[in-house]
Amino acid sequence: METLTRLKESGAGMAIASSRRLASLYDYLDGLGIRDWFACIVGADSVAKGKPDPEPVLTVLKQLGWAAGDTLVVGDADVDILMGNGAGCKTCAVTYGNGSLSSLKAAGPDYMIDSFPDLLRLG
């Protein structure tokens, strides 16, 4: 939460492209009290093709008018990195989540971090 708070306070635009269905995602974010921190939320039921297809990220980019080259996709699984790479974004794999280190490396992220606060140092 501290890292998300710092990102929000810095003015960084944040969005979510998740493999969860929207209702479940909204419940989760509402429980944390942070749903309104995200400029766009795309769930599995928001797109025809889910991860690793780039459609979820492309949907975010289109809705927000963000340039792919200025966008960082952060994820804990190879499908997240493949999705971001396919959309033409920079990607950052986090090594402490669902994906194995070998599958994350194989997906070809631009960055790899071992803790979420490390995200703030990527500049």
N, C-alpha and C. Protein backbone atom coordinates (compact mmCIF):
# COMPACT_ATOMS: atom_id res chain seq x y z
N MET A 1 0.84 -1.21 0.00
CA MET A 1 0.00 0.00 0.00
C MET A 1 0.87 1.25 0.00
N GLU A 2 2.00 1.19 0.71
CA GLU A 2 2.86 2.36 0.78
C GLU A 2 3.37 2.76 -0.60
N THR A 3 3.77 1.78 -1.39
CA THR A 3 4.27 2.07 -2.73
C THR A 3 3.17 2.63 -3.61
N LEU A 4 1.99 2.04 -3.56
CA LEU A 4 0.86 2.58 -4.34
C LEU A 4 0.53 4.00 -3.90
N THR A 5 0.58 4.25 -2.62
CA THR A 5 0.31 5.60 -2.10
C THR A 5 1.33 6.58 -2.65
N ARG A 6 2.60 6.20 -2.64
CA ARG A 6 3.64 7.09 -3.15
C ARG A 6 3.48 7.34 -4.64
N LEU A 7 3.12 6.32 -5.38
CA LEU A 7 2.88 6.50 -6.81
C LEU A 7 1.72 7.46 -7.05
N LYS A 8 0.65 7.25 -6.31
CA LYS A 8 -0.53 8.11 -6.44
C LYS A 8 -0.16 9.56 -6.12
N GLU A 9 0.55 9.76 -5.01
CA GLU A 9 0.93 11.11 -4.59
C GLU A 9 1.89 11.78 -5.56
N SER A 10 2.65 10.98 -6.30
CA SER A 10 3.60 11.53 -7.27
C SER A 10 2.91 11.96 -8.57
N GLY A 11 1.65 11.57 -8.70
CA GLY A 11 0.91 11.90 -9.91
C GLY A 11 1.04 10.86 -11.01
N ALA A 12 1.64 9.73 -10.71
CA ALA A 12 1.75 8.67 -11.70
C ALA A 12 0.37 8.15 -12.05
N GLY A 13 0.11 7.97 -13.32
CA GLY A 13 -1.15 7.37 -13.75
C GLY A 13 -1.10 5.88 -13.50
N MET A 14 -2.16 5.34 -12.94
CA MET A 14 -2.20 3.91 -12.65
C MET A 14 -3.48 3.31 -13.22
N ALA A 15 -3.33 2.12 -13.74
CA ALA A 15 -4.47 1.38 -14.29
C ALA A 15 -4.24 -0.10 -13.99
N ILE A 16 -5.30 -0.87 -14.16
CA ILE A 16 -5.22 -2.31 -13.92
C ILE A 16 -5.75 -3.06 -15.14
N ALA A 17 -4.97 -4.08 -15.55
CA ALA A 17 -5.41 -5.02 -16.58
C ALA A 17 -5.27 -6.39 -15.93
N SER A 18 -6.39 -6.95 -15.49
CA SER A 18 -6.36 -8.15 -14.66
C SER A 18 -7.03 -9.33 -15.34
N SER A 19 -6.67 -10.52 -14.87
CA SER A 19 -7.34 -11.73 -15.33
C SER A 19 -8.56 -12.06 -14.46
N ARG A 20 -8.80 -11.25 -13.43
CA ARG A 20 -10.02 -11.39 -12.61
C ARG A 20 -11.20 -10.78 -13.36
N ARG A 21 -12.37 -11.27 -13.05
CA ARG A 21 -13.58 -10.65 -13.59
C ARG A 21 -13.78 -9.31 -12.87
N LEU A 22 -14.42 -8.36 -13.54
CA LEU A 22 -14.57 -7.01 -12.99
C LEU A 22 -15.24 -6.99 -11.62
N ALA A 23 -16.31 -7.73 -11.43
CA ALA A 23 -17.02 -7.71 -10.14
C ALA A 23 -16.08 -8.12 -9.00
N SER A 24 -15.30 -9.17 -9.21
CA SER A 24 -14.36 -9.63 -8.20
C SER A 24 -13.26 -8.59 -7.97
N LEU A 25 -12.79 -8.01 -9.04
CA LEU A 25 -11.75 -7.00 -8.96
C LEU A 25 -12.24 -5.77 -8.21
N TYR A 26 -13.44 -5.31 -8.53
CA TYR A 26 -14.02 -4.16 -7.83
C TYR A 26 -14.19 -4.45 -6.34
N ASP A 27 -14.67 -5.64 -6.00
CA ASP A 27 -14.82 -6.00 -4.58
C ASP A 27 -13.48 -5.96 -3.87
N TYR A 28 -12.45 -6.49 -4.50
CA TYR A 28 -11.12 -6.52 -3.92
C TYR A 28 -10.60 -5.10 -3.70
N LEU A 29 -10.67 -4.27 -4.73
CA LEU A 29 -10.17 -2.89 -4.64
C LEU A 29 -10.99 -2.05 -3.66
N ASP A 30 -12.30 -2.26 -3.66
CA ASP A 30 -13.15 -1.54 -2.70
C ASP A 30 -12.81 -1.92 -1.27
N GLY A 31 -12.49 -3.19 -1.05
CA GLY A 31 -12.10 -3.65 0.28
C GLY A 31 -10.83 -2.98 0.77
N LEU A 32 -9.96 -2.64 -0.17
CA LEU A 32 -8.72 -1.93 0.16
C LEU A 32 -8.91 -0.41 0.18
N GLY A 33 -10.06 0.04 -0.35
CA GLY A 33 -10.34 1.47 -0.41
C GLY A 33 -9.53 2.21 -1.45
N ILE A 34 -9.15 1.52 -2.53
CA ILE A 34 -8.28 2.16 -3.52
C ILE A 34 -8.82 2.11 -4.96
N ARG A 35 -10.03 1.71 -5.12
CA ARG A 35 -10.56 1.57 -6.49
C ARG A 35 -10.44 2.87 -7.28
N ASP A 36 -10.67 3.99 -6.63
CA ASP A 36 -10.64 5.26 -7.36
C ASP A 36 -9.22 5.77 -7.63
N TRP A 37 -8.21 5.04 -7.18
CA TRP A 37 -6.82 5.42 -7.46
C TRP A 37 -6.44 5.07 -8.90
N PHE A 38 -7.23 4.24 -9.55
CA PHE A 38 -6.90 3.74 -10.88
C PHE A 38 -7.76 4.40 -11.95
N ALA A 39 -7.09 4.95 -12.94
CA ALA A 39 -7.77 5.69 -14.00
C ALA A 39 -8.58 4.78 -14.91
N CYS A 40 -8.22 3.52 -14.96
CA CYS A 40 -8.92 2.55 -15.81
C CYS A 40 -8.72 1.18 -15.19
N ILE A 41 -9.77 0.39 -15.20
CA ILE A 41 -9.71 -0.98 -14.69
C ILE A 41 -10.31 -1.90 -15.74
N VAL A 42 -9.49 -2.82 -16.24
CA VAL A 42 -9.92 -3.77 -17.25
C VAL A 42 -9.85 -5.16 -16.65
N GLY A 43 -10.96 -5.86 -16.67
CA GLY A 43 -11.02 -7.22 -16.16
C GLY A 43 -11.08 -8.22 -17.30
N ALA A 44 -11.03 -9.48 -16.94
CA ALA A 44 -11.07 -10.55 -17.95
C ALA A 44 -12.34 -10.48 -18.79
N ASP A 45 -13.42 -10.03 -18.19
CA ASP A 45 -14.69 -9.95 -18.92
C ASP A 45 -14.86 -8.61 -19.65
N SER A 46 -13.81 -7.79 -19.68
CA SER A 46 -13.85 -6.52 -20.40
C SER A 46 -13.32 -6.64 -21.82
N VAL A 47 -12.67 -7.76 -22.12
CA VAL A 47 -12.00 -7.94 -23.40
C VAL A 47 -12.35 -9.30 -24.00
N ALA A 48 -12.16 -9.42 -25.31
CA ALA A 48 -12.40 -10.70 -25.98
C ALA A 48 -11.24 -11.66 -25.75
N LYS A 49 -10.02 -11.12 -25.70
CA LYS A 49 -8.83 -11.96 -25.51
C LYS A 49 -8.09 -11.50 -24.26
N GLY A 50 -7.85 -12.43 -23.36
CA GLY A 50 -7.12 -12.11 -22.13
C GLY A 50 -5.64 -12.38 -22.26
N LYS A 51 -4.96 -12.24 -21.15
CA LYS A 51 -3.52 -12.48 -21.09
C LYS A 51 -3.19 -13.87 -21.64
N PRO A 52 -2.13 -14.01 -22.36
CA PRO A 52 -1.05 -13.09 -22.65
C PRO A 52 -1.29 -12.19 -23.86
N ASP A 53 -2.45 -12.25 -24.46
CA ASP A 53 -2.75 -11.35 -25.57
C ASP A 53 -2.63 -9.90 -25.08
N PRO A 54 -2.17 -8.99 -25.91
CA PRO A 54 -2.02 -7.60 -25.47
C PRO A 54 -3.32 -6.81 -25.35
N GLU A 55 -4.46 -7.40 -25.72
CA GLU A 55 -5.71 -6.65 -25.73
C GLU A 55 -6.03 -5.93 -24.42
N PRO A 56 -5.84 -6.54 -23.24
CA PRO A 56 -6.16 -5.80 -22.02
C PRO A 56 -5.36 -4.50 -21.88
N VAL A 57 -4.06 -4.55 -22.16
CA VAL A 57 -3.24 -3.34 -22.07
C VAL A 57 -3.60 -2.36 -23.19
N LEU A 58 -3.81 -2.86 -24.37
CA LEU A 58 -4.20 -1.98 -25.48
C LEU A 58 -5.51 -1.26 -25.18
N THR A 59 -6.41 -1.93 -24.48
CA THR A 59 -7.68 -1.31 -24.07
C THR A 59 -7.41 -0.17 -23.10
N VAL A 60 -6.54 -0.39 -22.14
CA VAL A 60 -6.18 0.67 -21.19
C VAL A 60 -5.56 1.86 -21.94
N LEU A 61 -4.60 1.58 -22.80
CA LEU A 61 -3.92 2.64 -23.54
C LEU A 61 -4.91 3.47 -24.37
N LYS A 62 -5.82 2.78 -25.03
CA LYS A 62 -6.81 3.47 -25.86
C LYS A 62 -7.74 4.33 -25.01
N GLN A 63 -8.26 3.75 -23.92
CA GLN A 63 -9.21 4.49 -23.09
C GLN A 63 -8.59 5.72 -22.44
N LEU A 64 -7.30 5.63 -22.10
CA LEU A 64 -6.66 6.73 -21.39
C LEU A 64 -5.82 7.64 -22.29
N GLY A 65 -5.63 7.23 -23.54
CA GLY A 65 -4.81 8.02 -24.45
C GLY A 65 -3.33 7.98 -24.09
N TRP A 66 -2.91 6.90 -23.44
CA TRP A 66 -1.51 6.76 -23.06
C TRP A 66 -0.72 6.17 -24.22
N ALA A 67 0.53 6.59 -24.33
CA ALA A 67 1.43 6.02 -25.32
C ALA A 67 2.08 4.76 -24.75
N ALA A 68 2.16 3.73 -25.56
CA ALA A 68 2.75 2.47 -25.10
C ALA A 68 4.18 2.68 -24.61
N GLY A 69 4.95 3.49 -25.31
CA GLY A 69 6.34 3.72 -24.94
C GLY A 69 6.53 4.43 -23.62
N ASP A 70 5.48 5.07 -23.14
CA ASP A 70 5.53 5.78 -21.86
C ASP A 70 4.89 5.00 -20.73
N THR A 71 4.51 3.77 -21.01
CA THR A 71 3.75 2.96 -20.06
C THR A 71 4.56 1.77 -19.59
N LEU A 72 4.52 1.52 -18.28
CA LEU A 72 5.19 0.38 -17.68
C LEU A 72 4.14 -0.61 -17.20
N VAL A 73 4.22 -1.83 -17.67
CA VAL A 73 3.34 -2.91 -17.23
C VAL A 73 4.10 -3.72 -16.18
N VAL A 74 3.51 -3.85 -15.01
CA VAL A 74 4.13 -4.57 -13.91
C VAL A 74 3.32 -5.83 -13.64
N GLY A 75 3.99 -6.96 -13.53
CA GLY A 75 3.26 -8.20 -13.28
C GLY A 75 4.11 -9.26 -12.63
N ASP A 76 3.43 -10.25 -12.07
CA ASP A 76 4.12 -11.33 -11.36
C ASP A 76 4.08 -12.66 -12.09
N ALA A 77 3.63 -12.64 -13.33
CA ALA A 77 3.56 -13.88 -14.11
C ALA A 77 4.02 -13.60 -15.54
N ASP A 78 4.49 -14.65 -16.19
CA ASP A 78 4.98 -14.48 -17.55
C ASP A 78 3.91 -13.91 -18.49
N VAL A 79 2.65 -14.28 -18.26
CA VAL A 79 1.58 -13.77 -19.13
C VAL A 79 1.43 -12.26 -19.02
N ASP A 80 1.73 -11.70 -17.85
CA ASP A 80 1.68 -10.24 -17.68
C ASP A 80 2.77 -9.58 -18.53
N ILE A 81 3.96 -10.13 -18.48
CA ILE A 81 5.09 -9.58 -19.22
C ILE A 81 4.86 -9.74 -20.72
N LEU A 82 4.39 -10.89 -21.13
CA LEU A 82 4.09 -11.12 -22.55
C LEU A 82 3.01 -10.16 -23.04
N MET A 83 1.99 -9.92 -22.23
CA MET A 83 0.92 -8.99 -22.57
C MET A 83 1.49 -7.58 -22.77
N GLY A 84 2.30 -7.13 -21.81
CA GLY A 84 2.89 -5.79 -21.91
C GLY A 84 3.83 -5.65 -23.08
N ASN A 85 4.68 -6.64 -23.28
CA ASN A 85 5.60 -6.62 -24.42
C ASN A 85 4.82 -6.58 -25.73
N GLY A 86 3.76 -7.37 -25.82
CA GLY A 86 2.95 -7.42 -27.03
C GLY A 86 2.26 -6.10 -27.34
N ALA A 87 2.01 -5.32 -26.29
CA ALA A 87 1.37 -4.01 -26.46
C ALA A 87 2.39 -2.91 -26.75
N GLY A 88 3.68 -3.27 -26.71
CA GLY A 88 4.73 -2.30 -26.99
C GLY A 88 5.14 -1.46 -25.79
N CYS A 89 4.79 -1.91 -24.59
CA CYS A 89 5.12 -1.19 -23.36
C CYS A 89 6.42 -1.70 -22.78
N LYS A 90 6.98 -0.92 -21.87
CA LYS A 90 8.06 -1.41 -21.03
C LYS A 90 7.42 -2.35 -20.01
N THR A 91 8.19 -3.33 -19.55
CA THR A 91 7.63 -4.30 -18.60
C THR A 91 8.56 -4.51 -17.42
N CYS A 92 7.94 -4.80 -16.29
CA CYS A 92 8.67 -5.07 -15.05
C CYS A 92 8.09 -6.31 -14.39
N ALA A 93 8.90 -7.32 -14.23
CA ALA A 93 8.48 -8.54 -13.54
C ALA A 93 8.81 -8.42 -12.06
N VAL A 94 7.86 -8.81 -11.23
CA VAL A 94 8.10 -8.89 -9.80
C VAL A 94 8.31 -10.38 -9.47
N THR A 95 9.36 -10.65 -8.71
CA THR A 95 9.79 -12.04 -8.52
C THR A 95 9.15 -12.74 -7.33
N TYR A 96 8.24 -12.08 -6.64
CA TYR A 96 7.70 -12.64 -5.40
C TYR A 96 6.25 -13.08 -5.53
N GLY A 97 5.73 -13.20 -6.73
CA GLY A 97 4.32 -13.53 -6.89
C GLY A 97 4.09 -14.91 -7.46
N ASN A 98 3.21 -14.99 -8.43
CA ASN A 98 2.77 -16.28 -8.98
C ASN A 98 3.75 -16.94 -9.93
N GLY A 99 4.56 -16.17 -10.63
CA GLY A 99 5.43 -16.73 -11.65
C GLY A 99 6.74 -17.26 -11.10
N SER A 100 7.27 -18.24 -11.80
CA SER A 100 8.60 -18.73 -11.44
C SER A 100 9.64 -17.78 -12.03
N LEU A 101 10.80 -17.75 -11.43
CA LEU A 101 11.87 -16.89 -11.89
C LEU A 101 12.25 -17.22 -13.33
N SER A 102 12.31 -18.49 -13.65
CA SER A 102 12.70 -18.89 -15.01
C SER A 102 11.65 -18.48 -16.03
N SER A 103 10.37 -18.61 -15.71
CA SER A 103 9.33 -18.23 -16.67
C SER A 103 9.27 -16.71 -16.83
N LEU A 104 9.52 -15.99 -15.74
CA LEU A 104 9.55 -14.52 -15.83
C LEU A 104 10.71 -14.06 -16.71
N LYS A 105 11.90 -14.63 -16.49
CA LYS A 105 13.06 -14.26 -17.31
C LYS A 105 12.81 -14.59 -18.78
N ALA A 106 12.22 -15.75 -19.04
CA ALA A 106 11.96 -16.18 -20.41
C ALA A 106 10.98 -15.25 -21.13
N ALA A 107 10.11 -14.60 -20.39
CA ALA A 107 9.14 -13.68 -21.00
C ALA A 107 9.80 -12.39 -21.47
N GLY A 108 11.01 -12.10 -21.00
CA GLY A 108 11.76 -10.95 -21.49
C GLY A 108 11.37 -9.60 -20.93
N PRO A 109 11.26 -9.46 -19.61
CA PRO A 109 10.92 -8.14 -19.06
C PRO A 109 12.08 -7.16 -19.22
N ASP A 110 11.74 -5.88 -19.24
CA ASP A 110 12.77 -4.85 -19.27
C ASP A 110 13.44 -4.72 -17.90
N TYR A 111 12.67 -4.96 -16.86
CA TYR A 111 13.15 -4.85 -15.49
C TYR A 111 12.65 -6.04 -14.69
N MET A 112 13.38 -6.38 -13.63
CA MET A 112 12.92 -7.37 -12.66
C MET A 112 13.20 -6.80 -11.28
N ILE A 113 12.22 -6.90 -10.38
CA ILE A 113 12.40 -6.40 -9.02
C ILE A 113 11.99 -7.49 -8.04
N ASP A 114 12.61 -7.44 -6.86
CA ASP A 114 12.35 -8.44 -5.83
C ASP A 114 11.39 -7.96 -4.76
N SER A 115 11.11 -6.65 -4.75
CA SER A 115 10.12 -6.12 -3.81
C SER A 115 9.43 -4.93 -4.48
N PHE A 116 8.17 -4.75 -4.16
CA PHE A 116 7.37 -3.73 -4.83
C PHE A 116 7.94 -2.32 -4.65
N PRO A 117 8.47 -1.96 -3.48
CA PRO A 117 9.05 -0.62 -3.35
C PRO A 117 10.20 -0.35 -4.32
N ASP A 118 10.86 -1.41 -4.82
CA ASP A 118 11.92 -1.23 -5.82
C ASP A 118 11.39 -0.56 -7.08
N LEU A 119 10.11 -0.64 -7.31
CA LEU A 119 9.48 -0.01 -8.47
C LEU A 119 9.75 1.51 -8.47
N LEU A 120 9.79 2.10 -7.30
CA LEU A 120 10.00 3.53 -7.18
C LEU A 120 11.39 3.96 -7.63
N ARG A 121 12.31 3.02 -7.69
CA ARG A 121 13.69 3.34 -8.07
C ARG A 121 13.95 3.17 -9.57
N LEU A 122 12.98 2.73 -10.31
CA LEU A 122 13.20 2.48 -11.73
C LEU A 122 13.35 3.77 -12.53
N GLY A 123 12.74 4.85 -12.03
CA GLY A 123 12.87 6.17 -12.65
C GLY A 123 12.43 6.15 -14.05
